[in-house]
C-alpha cells in the first residue's frame, strides 16, 4: 500500500511538472521579414536587402551568417556579417540602427523592416 501511495505521489508530481513547463510557443513577431539596410556613413554598400526569418524569437537567414533575437516587446538585437543592429519592431514594421567595422572600414546607418 505504501509503495502504491509513493508511486501515486510521484506520478502526480511528474504530471504537475509537465504542466508547469511552458510549451514552446511562437511570438508576435514570428514570420518572414524583408529588411532594408541603408548606409549613412562609410563606404559599405549604399543599400542592401535581406529576407530574414523570426521563429520563436530567434532571427535567422537561409544564406547569411545571422544570429539574433526579437524580444516579446519587439526589441531587436542582431549580428549579420560582422555588423551589429538593434531597434524595434511593432506590428508588421520596424526600424533601427546598425554599425560595422568589417574589413577595417567602419560603416553605419539605419535599417527598416516589413513583414511579408
PDB file of N, CA and C in Angstrom:
ATOM      1  N   UNK A   1       0.822  -1.188   0.000  1.00  0.00           N
ATOM      2  CA  UNK A   1       0.000   0.000   0.000  1.00  0.00           C
ATOM      3  C   UNK A   1       0.861   1.245   0.000  1.00  0.00           C
ATOM      4  N   UNK A   2       1.903   1.238   0.810  1.00  0.00           N
ATOM      5  CA  UNK A   2       2.789   2.395   0.907  1.00  0.00           C
ATOM      6  C   UNK A   2       3.477   2.663  -0.419  1.00  0.00           C
ATOM      7  N   UNK A   3       3.901   1.598  -1.146  1.00  0.00           N
ATOM      8  CA  UNK A   3       4.545   1.752  -2.451  1.00  0.00           C
ATOM      9  C   UNK A   3       3.572   2.377  -3.437  1.00  0.00           C
ATOM     10  N   UNK A   4       2.336   1.944  -3.433  1.00  0.00           N
ATOM     11  CA  UNK A   4       1.320   2.494  -4.329  1.00  0.00           C
ATOM     12  C   UNK A   4       1.095   3.971  -4.043  1.00  0.00           C
ATOM     13  N   UNK A   5       1.120   4.371  -2.787  1.00  0.00           N
ATOM     14  CA  UNK A   5       0.931   5.770  -2.397  1.00  0.00           C
ATOM     15  C   UNK A   5       2.101   6.620  -2.893  1.00  0.00           C
ATOM     16  N   UNK A   6       3.324   6.099  -2.724  1.00  0.00           N
ATOM     17  CA  UNK A   6       4.520   6.819  -3.187  1.00  0.00           C
ATOM     18  C   UNK A   6       4.483   6.966  -4.702  1.00  0.00           C
ATOM     19  N   UNK A   7       4.093   5.893  -5.414  1.00  0.00           N
ATOM     20  CA  UNK A   7       4.003   5.956  -6.869  1.00  0.00           C
ATOM     21  C   UNK A   7       2.956   6.987  -7.304  1.00  0.00           C
ATOM     22  N   UNK A   8       1.843   7.025  -6.613  1.00  0.00           N
ATOM     23  CA  UNK A   8       0.800   7.994  -6.950  1.00  0.00           C
ATOM     24  C   UNK A   8       1.288   9.422  -6.748  1.00  0.00           C
ATOM     25  N   UNK A   9       2.027   9.659  -5.654  1.00  0.00           N
ATOM     26  CA  UNK A   9       2.566  10.994  -5.402  1.00  0.00           C
ATOM     27  C   UNK A   9       3.592  11.368  -6.465  1.00  0.00           C
ATOM     28  N   UNK A  10       4.491  10.436  -6.815  1.00  0.00           N
ATOM     29  CA  UNK A  10       5.492  10.710  -7.847  1.00  0.00           C
ATOM     30  C   UNK A  10       4.826  10.980  -9.196  1.00  0.00           C
ATOM     31  N   UNK A  11       3.809  10.180  -9.544  1.00  0.00           N
ATOM     32  CA  UNK A  11       3.083  10.390 -10.790  1.00  0.00           C
ATOM     33  C   UNK A  11       2.423  11.757 -10.805  1.00  0.00           C
ATOM     34  N   UNK A  12       1.811  12.125  -9.693  1.00  0.00           N
ATOM     35  CA  UNK A  12       1.154  13.423  -9.576  1.00  0.00           C
ATOM     36  C   UNK A  12       2.156  14.559  -9.735  1.00  0.00           C
ATOM     37  N   UNK A  13       3.330  14.418  -9.107  1.00  0.00           N
ATOM     38  CA  UNK A  13       4.373  15.453  -9.222  1.00  0.00           C
ATOM     39  C   UNK A  13       4.870  15.567 -10.657  1.00  0.00           C
ATOM     40  N   UNK A  14       5.074  14.421 -11.310  1.00  0.00           N
ATOM     41  CA  UNK A  14       5.548  14.430 -12.693  1.00  0.00           C
ATOM     42  C   UNK A  14       4.524  15.089 -13.607  1.00  0.00           C
ATOM     43  N   UNK A  15       3.253  14.767 -13.393  1.00  0.00           N
ATOM     44  CA  UNK A  15       2.180  15.356 -14.190  1.00  0.00           C
ATOM     45  C   UNK A  15       2.105  16.866 -13.980  1.00  0.00           C
ATOM     46  N   UNK A  16       2.197  17.294 -12.744  1.00  0.00           N
ATOM     47  CA  UNK A  16       2.166  18.721 -12.435  1.00  0.00           C
ATOM     48  C   UNK A  16       3.372  19.431 -13.036  1.00  0.00           C
ATOM     49  N   UNK A  17       4.544  18.808 -12.954  1.00  0.00           N
ATOM     50  CA  UNK A  17       5.756  19.414 -13.519  1.00  0.00           C
ATOM     51  C   UNK A  17       5.606  19.573 -15.024  1.00  0.00           C
ATOM     52  N   UNK A  18       4.963  18.598 -15.667  1.00  0.00           N
ATOM     53  CA  UNK A  18       4.758  18.700 -17.111  1.00  0.00           C
ATOM     54  C   UNK A  18       3.900  19.897 -17.481  1.00  0.00           C
ATOM     55  N   UNK A  19       2.891  20.200 -16.665  1.00  0.00           N
ATOM     56  CA  UNK A  19       2.055  21.366 -16.931  1.00  0.00           C
ATOM     57  C   UNK A  19       2.758  22.660 -16.575  1.00  0.00           C
ATOM     58  N   UNK A  20       3.715  22.626 -15.679  1.00  0.00           N
ATOM     59  CA  UNK A  20       4.406  23.834 -15.245  1.00  0.00           C
ATOM     60  C   UNK A  20       5.392  24.329 -16.291  1.00  0.00           C
ATOM     61  N   UNK A  21       5.870  23.442 -17.168  1.00  0.00           N
ATOM     62  CA  UNK A  21       6.824  23.834 -18.200  1.00  0.00           C
ATOM     63  C   UNK A  21       6.033  24.426 -19.353  1.00  0.00           C
ATOM     64  N   UNK A  22       6.302  25.684 -19.718  1.00  0.00           N
ATOM     65  CA  UNK A  22       5.539  26.290 -20.803  1.00  0.00           C
ATOM     66  C   UNK A  22       5.878  25.647 -22.139  1.00  0.00           C
ATOM     67  N   UNK A  23       4.905  25.528 -22.981  1.00  0.00           N
ATOM     68  CA  UNK A  23       5.130  24.995 -24.318  1.00  0.00           C
ATOM     69  C   UNK A  23       5.906  26.016 -25.129  1.00  0.00           C
ATOM     70  N   UNK A  24       6.722  25.518 -26.054  1.00  0.00           N
ATOM     71  CA  UNK A  24       7.481  26.401 -26.919  1.00  0.00           C
ATOM     72  C   UNK A  24       6.501  27.044 -27.889  1.00  0.00           C
ATOM     73  N   UNK A  25       6.233  28.303 -27.694  1.00  0.00           N
ATOM     74  CA  UNK A  25       5.223  28.988 -28.485  1.00  0.00           C
ATOM     75  C   UNK A  25       5.872  30.050 -29.357  1.00  0.00           C
ATOM     76  N   UNK A  26       5.216  30.389 -30.421  1.00  0.00           N
ATOM     77  CA  UNK A  26       5.697  31.445 -31.285  1.00  0.00           C
ATOM     78  C   UNK A  26       5.537  32.802 -30.615  1.00  0.00           C
ATOM     79  N   UNK A  27       6.100  33.808 -31.250  1.00  0.00           N
ATOM     80  CA  UNK A  27       5.969  35.161 -30.737  1.00  0.00           C
ATOM     81  C   UNK A  27       5.135  35.991 -31.697  1.00  0.00           C
ATOM     82  N   UNK A  28       4.776  37.184 -31.288  1.00  0.00           N
ATOM     83  CA  UNK A  28       4.007  38.088 -32.147  1.00  0.00           C
ATOM     84  C   UNK A  28       4.802  38.512 -33.375  1.00  0.00           C
ATOM     85  N   UNK A  29       6.108  38.289 -33.376  1.00  0.00           N
ATOM     86  CA  UNK A  29       6.963  38.758 -34.467  1.00  0.00           C
ATOM     87  C   UNK A  29       7.478  37.630 -35.342  1.00  0.00           C
ATOM     88  N   UNK A  30       7.021  36.407 -35.121  1.00  0.00           N
ATOM     89  CA  UNK A  30       7.430  35.284 -35.960  1.00  0.00           C
ATOM     90  C   UNK A  30       6.960  35.506 -37.385  1.00  0.00           C
ATOM     91  N   UNK A  31       7.782  35.082 -38.336  1.00  0.00           N
ATOM     92  CA  UNK A  31       7.420  35.175 -39.738  1.00  0.00           C
ATOM     93  C   UNK A  31       8.592  35.622 -40.580  1.00  0.00           C
ATOM     94  N   UNK A  32       8.323  35.849 -41.846  1.00  0.00           N
ATOM     95  CA  UNK A  32       9.324  36.301 -42.803  1.00  0.00           C
ATOM     96  C   UNK A  32       9.310  37.821 -42.863  1.00  0.00           C
ATOM     97  N   UNK A  33      10.497  38.412 -42.735  1.00  0.00           N
ATOM     98  CA  UNK A  33      10.647  39.865 -42.749  1.00  0.00           C
ATOM     99  C   UNK A  33      11.596  40.265 -43.867  1.00  0.00           C
ATOM    100  N   UNK A  34      11.275  41.348 -44.556  1.00  0.00           N
ATOM    101  CA  UNK A  34      12.163  41.935 -45.549  1.00  0.00           C
ATOM    102  C   UNK A  34      12.867  43.109 -44.880  1.00  0.00           C
ATOM    103  N   UNK A  35      14.194  43.035 -44.794  1.00  0.00           N
ATOM    104  CA  UNK A  35      14.961  44.069 -44.097  1.00  0.00           C
ATOM    105  C   UNK A  35      15.800  44.838 -45.100  1.00  0.00           C
ATOM    106  N   UNK A  36      15.627  46.147 -45.106  1.00  0.00           N
ATOM    107  CA  UNK A  36      16.386  47.044 -45.974  1.00  0.00           C
ATOM    108  C   UNK A  36      17.411  47.770 -45.112  1.00  0.00           C
ATOM    109  N   UNK A  37      18.680  47.675 -45.513  1.00  0.00           N
ATOM    110  CA  UNK A  37      19.770  48.299 -44.768  1.00  0.00           C
ATOM    111  C   UNK A  37      20.317  49.453 -45.594  1.00  0.00           C
ATOM    112  N   UNK A  38      20.383  50.629 -44.999  1.00  0.00           N
ATOM    113  CA  UNK A  38      20.846  51.835 -45.687  1.00  0.00           C
ATOM    114  C   UNK A  38      22.101  52.345 -44.976  1.00  0.00           C
ATOM    115  N   UNK A  39      23.180  52.545 -45.749  1.00  0.00           N
ATOM    116  CA  UNK A  39      24.425  53.073 -45.200  1.00  0.00           C
ATOM    117  C   UNK A  39      24.371  54.589 -45.173  1.00  0.00           C
ATOM    118  N   UNK A  40      24.667  55.170 -44.024  1.00  0.00           N
ATOM    119  CA  UNK A  40      24.715  56.633 -43.878  1.00  0.00           C
ATOM    120  C   UNK A  40      26.146  57.145 -43.833  1.00  0.00           C
ATOM    121  N   UNK A  41      27.051  56.381 -43.209  1.00  0.00           N
ATOM    122  CA  UNK A  41      28.459  56.774 -43.161  1.00  0.00           C
ATOM    123  C   UNK A  41      29.325  55.576 -43.522  1.00  0.00           C
ATOM    124  N   UNK A  42      30.435  55.830 -44.204  1.00  0.00           N
ATOM    125  CA  UNK A  42      31.351  54.766 -44.595  1.00  0.00           C
ATOM    126  C   UNK A  42      31.163  54.359 -46.038  1.00  0.00           C
ATOM    127  N   UNK A  43      32.003  53.427 -46.479  1.00  0.00           N
ATOM    128  CA  UNK A  43      31.987  53.026 -47.888  1.00  0.00           C
ATOM    129  C   UNK A  43      31.393  51.630 -48.105  1.00  0.00           C
ATOM    130  N   UNK A  44      30.535  51.191 -47.218  1.00  0.00           N
ATOM    131  CA  UNK A  44      29.816  49.926 -47.416  1.00  0.00           C
ATOM    132  C   UNK A  44      28.774  50.112 -48.515  1.00  0.00           C
ATOM    133  N   UNK A  45      28.188  49.004 -48.983  1.00  0.00           N
ATOM    134  CA  UNK A  45      27.136  49.110 -49.989  1.00  0.00           C
ATOM    135  C   UNK A  45      26.091  50.122 -49.529  1.00  0.00           C
ATOM    136  N   UNK A  46      25.656  51.025 -50.415  1.00  0.00           N
ATOM    137  CA  UNK A  46      24.704  52.055 -50.014  1.00  0.00           C
ATOM    138  C   UNK A  46      23.372  51.488 -49.522  1.00  0.00           C
ATOM    139  N   UNK A  47      22.886  50.425 -50.190  1.00  0.00           N
ATOM    140  CA  UNK A  47      21.614  49.811 -49.811  1.00  0.00           C
ATOM    141  C   UNK A  47      21.727  48.297 -50.012  1.00  0.00           C
ATOM    142  N   UNK A  48      21.207  47.547 -49.076  1.00  0.00           N
ATOM    143  CA  UNK A  48      21.155  46.089 -49.201  1.00  0.00           C
ATOM    144  C   UNK A  48      19.830  45.609 -48.625  1.00  0.00           C
ATOM    145  N   UNK A  49      19.359  44.474 -49.134  1.00  0.00           N
ATOM    146  CA  UNK A  49      18.113  43.917 -48.623  1.00  0.00           C
ATOM    147  C   UNK A  49      18.325  42.446 -48.287  1.00  0.00           C
ATOM    148  N   UNK A  50      17.717  42.017 -47.196  1.00  0.00           N
ATOM    149  CA  UNK A  50      17.832  40.648 -46.728  1.00  0.00           C
ATOM    150  C   UNK A  50      16.465  40.129 -46.307  1.00  0.00           C
ATOM    151  N   UNK A  51      16.115  38.919 -46.745  1.00  0.00           N
ATOM    152  CA  UNK A  51      14.934  38.276 -46.159  1.00  0.00           C
ATOM    153  C   UNK A  51      15.377  37.549 -44.890  1.00  0.00           C
ATOM    154  N   UNK A  52      14.797  37.879 -43.766  1.00  0.00           N
ATOM    155  CA  UNK A  52      15.126  37.245 -42.501  1.00  0.00           C
ATOM    156  C   UNK A  52      13.886  36.571 -41.929  1.00  0.00           C
ATOM    157  N   UNK A  53      14.109  35.502 -41.201  1.00  0.00           N
ATOM    158  CA  UNK A  53      13.018  34.770 -40.581  1.00  0.00           C
ATOM    159  C   UNK A  53      13.120  34.881 -39.070  1.00  0.00           C
ATOM    160  N   UNK A  54      11.989  35.143 -38.430  1.00  0.00           N
ATOM    161  CA  UNK A  54      11.915  35.114 -36.969  1.00  0.00           C
ATOM    162  C   UNK A  54      11.063  33.907 -36.604  1.00  0.00           C
ATOM    163  N   UNK A  55      11.630  33.022 -35.801  1.00  0.00           N
ATOM    164  CA  UNK A  55      10.915  31.832 -35.348  1.00  0.00           C
ATOM    165  C   UNK A  55      11.174  31.645 -33.862  1.00  0.00           C
ATOM    166  N   UNK A  56      10.122  31.692 -33.077  1.00  0.00           N
ATOM    167  CA  UNK A  56      10.223  31.586 -31.613  1.00  0.00           C
ATOM    168  C   UNK A  56      11.178  32.634 -31.056  1.00  0.00           C
ATOM    169  N   UNK A  57      11.186  33.825 -31.692  1.00  0.00           N
ATOM    170  CA  UNK A  57      12.006  34.936 -31.222  1.00  0.00           C
ATOM    171  C   UNK A  57      13.437  34.912 -31.687  1.00  0.00           C
ATOM    172  N   UNK A  58      13.856  33.884 -32.444  1.00  0.00           N
ATOM    173  CA  UNK A  58      15.230  33.788 -32.951  1.00  0.00           C
ATOM    174  C   UNK A  58      15.262  34.229 -34.405  1.00  0.00           C
ATOM    175  N   UNK A  59      16.282  35.021 -34.752  1.00  0.00           N
ATOM    176  CA  UNK A  59      16.419  35.547 -36.109  1.00  0.00           C
ATOM    177  C   UNK A  59      17.389  34.656 -36.884  1.00  0.00           C
ATOM    178  N   UNK A  60      17.029  34.324 -38.138  1.00  0.00           N
ATOM    179  CA  UNK A  60      17.901  33.531 -38.993  1.00  0.00           C
ATOM    180  C   UNK A  60      17.694  33.923 -40.448  1.00  0.00           C
ATOM    181  N   UNK A  61      18.617  33.450 -41.292  1.00  0.00           N
ATOM    182  CA  UNK A  61      18.524  33.676 -42.733  1.00  0.00           C
ATOM    183  C   UNK A  61      19.061  32.440 -43.438  1.00  0.00           C
ATOM    184  N   UNK A  62      18.508  32.133 -44.594  1.00  0.00           N
ATOM    185  CA  UNK A  62      18.904  30.938 -45.331  1.00  0.00           C
ATOM    186  C   UNK A  62      20.320  31.050 -45.877  1.00  0.00           C
ATOM    187  N   UNK A  63      20.724  32.235 -46.299  1.00  0.00           N
ATOM    188  CA  UNK A  63      22.017  32.356 -46.983  1.00  0.00           C
ATOM    189  C   UNK A  63      22.962  33.367 -46.339  1.00  0.00           C
ATOM    190  N   UNK A  64      22.800  33.648 -45.063  1.00  0.00           N
ATOM    191  CA  UNK A  64      23.675  34.613 -44.391  1.00  0.00           C
ATOM    192  C   UNK A  64      23.946  34.157 -42.964  1.00  0.00           C
ATOM    193  N   UNK A  65      25.109  34.569 -42.469  1.00  0.00           N
ATOM    194  CA  UNK A  65      25.501  34.243 -41.102  1.00  0.00           C
ATOM    195  C   UNK A  65      24.845  35.247 -40.159  1.00  0.00           C
ATOM    196  N   UNK A  66      23.640  34.927 -39.715  1.00  0.00           N
ATOM    197  CA  UNK A  66      22.846  35.827 -38.883  1.00  0.00           C
ATOM    198  C   UNK A  66      22.574  35.165 -37.538  1.00  0.00           C
ATOM    199  N   UNK A  67      22.767  35.934 -36.490  1.00  0.00           N
ATOM    200  CA  UNK A  67      22.333  35.495 -35.169  1.00  0.00           C
ATOM    201  C   UNK A  67      21.626  36.669 -34.518  1.00  0.00           C
ATOM    202  N   UNK A  68      20.646  36.375 -33.714  1.00  0.00           N
ATOM    203  CA  UNK A  68      19.966  37.452 -33.022  1.00  0.00           C
ATOM    204  C   UNK A  68      18.626  37.028 -32.492  1.00  0.00           C
ATOM    205  N   UNK A  69      17.945  38.005 -31.903  1.00  0.00           N
ATOM    206  CA  UNK A  69      16.666  37.710 -31.292  1.00  0.00           C
ATOM    207  C   UNK A  69      15.746  38.919 -31.336  1.00  0.00           C
ATOM    208  N   UNK A  70      14.467  38.620 -31.182  1.00  0.00           N
ATOM    209  CA  UNK A  70      13.437  39.640 -31.048  1.00  0.00           C
ATOM    210  C   UNK A  70      12.731  39.351 -29.731  1.00  0.00           C
ATOM    211  N   UNK A  71      12.752  40.305 -28.834  1.00  0.00           N
ATOM    212  CA  UNK A  71      12.112  40.128 -27.530  1.00  0.00           C
ATOM    213  C   UNK A  71      10.601  40.211 -27.611  1.00  0.00           C
ATOM    214  N   UNK A  72       9.953  39.862 -26.534  1.00  0.00           N
ATOM    215  CA  UNK A  72       8.488  39.838 -26.512  1.00  0.00           C
ATOM    216  C   UNK A  72       7.874  41.215 -26.740  1.00  0.00           C
ATOM    217  N   UNK A  73       8.620  42.276 -26.447  1.00  0.00           N
ATOM    218  CA  UNK A  73       8.132  43.638 -26.681  1.00  0.00           C
ATOM    219  C   UNK A  73       8.602  44.204 -28.022  1.00  0.00           C
ATOM    220  N   UNK A  74       9.260  43.355 -28.866  1.00  0.00           N
ATOM    221  CA  UNK A  74       9.676  43.777 -30.196  1.00  0.00           C
ATOM    222  C   UNK A  74      11.086  44.327 -30.288  1.00  0.00           C
ATOM    223  N   UNK A  75      11.843  44.302 -29.178  1.00  0.00           N
ATOM    224  CA  UNK A  75      13.225  44.804 -29.232  1.00  0.00           C
ATOM    225  C   UNK A  75      14.081  43.835 -30.037  1.00  0.00           C
ATOM    226  N   UNK A  76      14.839  44.364 -30.999  1.00  0.00           N
ATOM    227  CA  UNK A  76      15.651  43.566 -31.909  1.00  0.00           C
ATOM    228  C   UNK A  76      17.127  43.753 -31.594  1.00  0.00           C
ATOM    229  N   UNK A  77      17.853  42.641 -31.594  1.00  0.00           N
ATOM    230  CA  UNK A  77      19.305  42.657 -31.432  1.00  0.00           C
ATOM    231  C   UNK A  77      19.860  41.578 -32.356  1.00  0.00           C
ATOM    232  N   UNK A  78      20.634  42.001 -33.393  1.00  0.00           N
ATOM    233  CA  UNK A  78      21.063  41.081 -34.441  1.00  0.00           C
ATOM    234  C   UNK A  78      22.514  41.339 -34.826  1.00  0.00           C
ATOM    235  N   UNK A  79      23.198  40.266 -35.213  1.00  0.00           N
ATOM    236  CA  UNK A  79      24.529  40.340 -35.793  1.00  0.00           C
ATOM    237  C   UNK A  79      24.465  39.674 -37.162  1.00  0.00           C
ATOM    238  N   UNK A  80      24.943  40.375 -38.191  1.00  0.00           N
ATOM    239  CA  UNK A  80      24.946  39.827 -39.543  1.00  0.00           C
ATOM    240  C   UNK A  80      26.215  40.255 -40.261  1.00  0.00           C
ATOM    241  N   UNK A  81      27.001  39.273 -40.682  1.00  0.00           N
ATOM    242  CA  UNK A  81      28.243  39.512 -41.434  1.00  0.00           C
ATOM    243  C   UNK A  81      29.131  40.573 -40.785  1.00  0.00           C
ATOM    244  N   UNK A  82      29.321  40.502 -39.496  1.00  0.00           N
ATOM    245  CA  UNK A  82      30.201  41.432 -38.796  1.00  0.00           C
ATOM    246  C   UNK A  82      29.569  42.759 -38.445  1.00  0.00           C
ATOM    247  N   UNK A  83      28.323  42.955 -38.815  1.00  0.00           N
ATOM    248  CA  UNK A  83      27.612  44.183 -38.450  1.00  0.00           C
ATOM    249  C   UNK A  83      26.667  43.873 -37.295  1.00  0.00           C
ATOM    250  N   UNK A  84      26.400  44.886 -36.502  1.00  0.00           N
ATOM    251  CA  UNK A  84      25.507  44.728 -35.364  1.00  0.00           C
ATOM    252  C   UNK A  84      24.364  45.722 -35.497  1.00  0.00           C
ATOM    253  N   UNK A  85      23.160  45.249 -35.211  1.00  0.00           N
ATOM    254  CA  UNK A  85      21.978  46.101 -35.355  1.00  0.00           C
ATOM    255  C   UNK A  85      21.085  45.949 -34.140  1.00  0.00           C
ATOM    256  N   UNK A  86      20.381  47.019 -33.839  1.00  0.00           N
ATOM    257  CA  UNK A  86      19.343  46.956 -32.819  1.00  0.00           C
ATOM    258  C   UNK A  86      18.231  47.906 -33.215  1.00  0.00           C
ATOM    259  N   UNK A  87      17.082  47.700 -32.639  1.00  0.00           N
ATOM    260  CA  UNK A  87      15.939  48.541 -32.969  1.00  0.00           C
ATOM    261  C   UNK A  87      14.673  47.966 -32.400  1.00  0.00           C
ATOM    262  N   UNK A  88      13.556  48.307 -33.045  1.00  0.00           N
ATOM    263  CA  UNK A  88      12.246  47.966 -32.507  1.00  0.00           C
ATOM    264  C   UNK A  88      11.306  47.537 -33.620  1.00  0.00           C
ATOM    265  N   UNK A  89      10.605  46.419 -33.394  1.00  0.00           N
ATOM    266  CA  UNK A  89       9.515  46.005 -34.269  1.00  0.00           C
ATOM    267  C   UNK A  89       8.206  46.334 -33.574  1.00  0.00           C
ATOM    268  N   UNK A  90       7.223  46.687 -34.370  1.00  0.00           N
ATOM    269  CA  UNK A  90       5.893  46.949 -33.845  1.00  0.00           C
ATOM    270  C   UNK A  90       4.894  46.571 -34.926  1.00  0.00           C
ATOM    271  N   UNK A  91       4.051  45.601 -34.649  1.00  0.00           N
ATOM    272  CA  UNK A  91       3.110  45.148 -35.667  1.00  0.00           C
ATOM    273  C   UNK A  91       3.838  44.495 -36.827  1.00  0.00           C
ATOM    274  N   UNK A  92       3.672  45.055 -38.020  1.00  0.00           N
ATOM    275  CA  UNK A  92       4.285  44.495 -39.221  1.00  0.00           C
ATOM    276  C   UNK A  92       5.432  45.324 -39.761  1.00  0.00           C
ATOM    277  N   UNK A  93       6.012  46.190 -38.937  1.00  0.00           N
ATOM    278  CA  UNK A  93       7.107  47.052 -39.387  1.00  0.00           C
ATOM    279  C   UNK A  93       8.102  47.267 -38.252  1.00  0.00           C
ATOM    280  N   UNK A  94       9.251  47.799 -38.608  1.00  0.00           N
ATOM    281  CA  UNK A  94      10.245  48.101 -37.592  1.00  0.00           C
ATOM    282  C   UNK A  94      11.384  48.897 -38.179  1.00  0.00           C
ATOM    283  N   UNK A  95      12.244  49.408 -37.300  1.00  0.00           N
ATOM    284  CA  UNK A  95      13.397  50.172 -37.751  1.00  0.00           C
ATOM    285  C   UNK A  95      14.425  50.223 -36.637  1.00  0.00           C
ATOM    286  N   UNK A  96      15.615  50.669 -37.010  1.00  0.00           N
ATOM    287  CA  UNK A  96      16.673  50.794 -36.018  1.00  0.00           C
ATOM    288  C   UNK A  96      17.965  51.251 -36.657  1.00  0.00           C
ATOM    289  N   UNK A  97      19.056  51.040 -35.943  1.00  0.00           N
ATOM    290  CA  UNK A  97      20.384  51.462 -36.386  1.00  0.00           C
ATOM    291  C   UNK A  97      21.306  50.259 -36.473  1.00  0.00           C
ATOM    292  N   UNK A  98      22.370  50.384 -37.269  1.00  0.00           N
ATOM    293  CA  UNK A  98      23.374  49.340 -37.367  1.00  0.00           C
ATOM    294  C   UNK A  98      24.749  49.988 -37.492  1.00  0.00           C
ATOM    295  N   UNK A  99      25.769  49.202 -37.179  1.00  0.00           N
ATOM    296  CA  UNK A  99      27.152  49.659 -37.383  1.00  0.00           C
ATOM    297  C   UNK A  99      28.042  48.453 -37.620  1.00  0.00           C
ATOM    298  N   UNK A 100      29.180  48.722 -38.271  1.00  0.00           N
ATOM    299  CA  UNK A 100      30.098  47.654 -38.621  1.00  0.00           C
ATOM    300  C   UNK A 100      31.512  48.202 -38.743  1.00  0.00           C
ATOM    301  N   UNK A 101      32.470  47.364 -38.481  1.00  0.00           N
ATOM    302  CA  UNK A 101      33.874  47.710 -38.714  1.00  0.00           C
ATOM    303  C   UNK A 101      34.518  46.615 -39.554  1.00  0.00           C
ATOM    304  N   UNK A 102      33.707  45.877 -40.316  1.00  0.00           N
ATOM    305  CA  UNK A 102      34.222  44.761 -41.107  1.00  0.00           C
ATOM    306  C   UNK A 102      35.210  45.238 -42.153  1.00  0.00           C
ATOM    307  N   UNK A 103      36.244  44.453 -42.370  1.00  0.00           N
ATOM    308  CA  UNK A 103      37.304  44.735 -43.348  1.00  0.00           C
ATOM    309  C   UNK A 103      37.985  46.062 -43.069  1.00  0.00           C
ATOM    310  N   UNK A 104      37.964  46.500 -41.818  1.00  0.00           N
ATOM    311  CA  UNK A 104      38.649  47.738 -41.455  1.00  0.00           C
ATOM    312  C   UNK A 104      37.955  48.996 -41.929  1.00  0.00           C
ATOM    313  N   UNK A 105      36.752  48.877 -42.493  1.00  0.00           N
ATOM    314  CA  UNK A 105      36.024  50.044 -42.978  1.00  0.00           C
ATOM    315  C   UNK A 105      34.808  50.281 -42.091  1.00  0.00           C
ATOM    316  N   UNK A 106      34.879  51.243 -41.198  1.00  0.00           N
ATOM    317  CA  UNK A 106      33.705  51.481 -40.352  1.00  0.00           C
ATOM    318  C   UNK A 106      32.554  52.065 -41.170  1.00  0.00           C
ATOM    319  N   UNK A 107      31.388  51.483 -40.958  1.00  0.00           N
ATOM    320  CA  UNK A 107      30.174  51.943 -41.616  1.00  0.00           C
ATOM    321  C   UNK A 107      29.057  51.949 -40.590  1.00  0.00           C
ATOM    322  N   UNK A 108      28.053  52.745 -40.860  1.00  0.00           N
ATOM    323  CA  UNK A 108      26.873  52.747 -40.003  1.00  0.00           C
ATOM    324  C   UNK A 108      25.687  53.264 -40.793  1.00  0.00           C
ATOM    325  N   UNK A 109      24.525  53.052 -40.244  1.00  0.00           N
ATOM    326  CA  UNK A 109      23.325  53.517 -40.923  1.00  0.00           C
ATOM    327  C   UNK A 109      22.074  53.104 -40.185  1.00  0.00           C
ATOM    328  N   UNK A 110      21.018  52.943 -40.961  1.00  0.00           N
ATOM    329  CA  UNK A 110      19.728  52.588 -40.390  1.00  0.00           C
ATOM    330  C   UNK A 110      19.174  51.375 -41.135  1.00  0.00           C
ATOM    331  N   UNK A 111      18.189  50.742 -40.533  1.00  0.00           N
ATOM    332  CA  UNK A 111      17.501  49.640 -41.194  1.00  0.00           C
ATOM    333  C   UNK A 111      16.001  49.810 -41.010  1.00  0.00           C
ATOM    334  N   UNK A 112      15.273  49.248 -41.955  1.00  0.00           N
ATOM    335  CA  UNK A 112      13.821  49.245 -41.910  1.00  0.00           C
ATOM    336  C   UNK A 112      13.357  47.834 -42.240  1.00  0.00           C
ATOM    337  N   UNK A 113      12.322  47.368 -41.584  1.00  0.00           N
ATOM    338  CA  UNK A 113      11.814  46.030 -41.832  1.00  0.00           C
ATOM    339  C   UNK A 113      10.309  46.051 -42.042  1.00  0.00           C
ATOM    340  N   UNK A 114       9.849  45.137 -42.884  1.00  0.00           N
ATOM    341  CA  UNK A 114       8.406  44.955 -43.071  1.00  0.00           C
ATOM    342  C   UNK A 114       8.131  43.461 -43.139  1.00  0.00           C
ATOM    343  N   UNK A 115       7.045  43.055 -42.495  1.00  0.00           N
ATOM    344  CA  UNK A 115       6.694  41.636 -42.502  1.00  0.00           C
ATOM    345  C   UNK A 115       6.071  41.268 -43.832  1.00  0.00           C
ATOM    346  N   UNK A 116       6.444  40.126 -44.348  1.00  0.00           N
ATOM    347  CA  UNK A 116       5.909  39.635 -45.620  1.00  0.00           C
ATOM    348  C   UNK A 116       4.570  38.970 -45.422  1.00  0.00           C
TER     349      UNK A 116
END
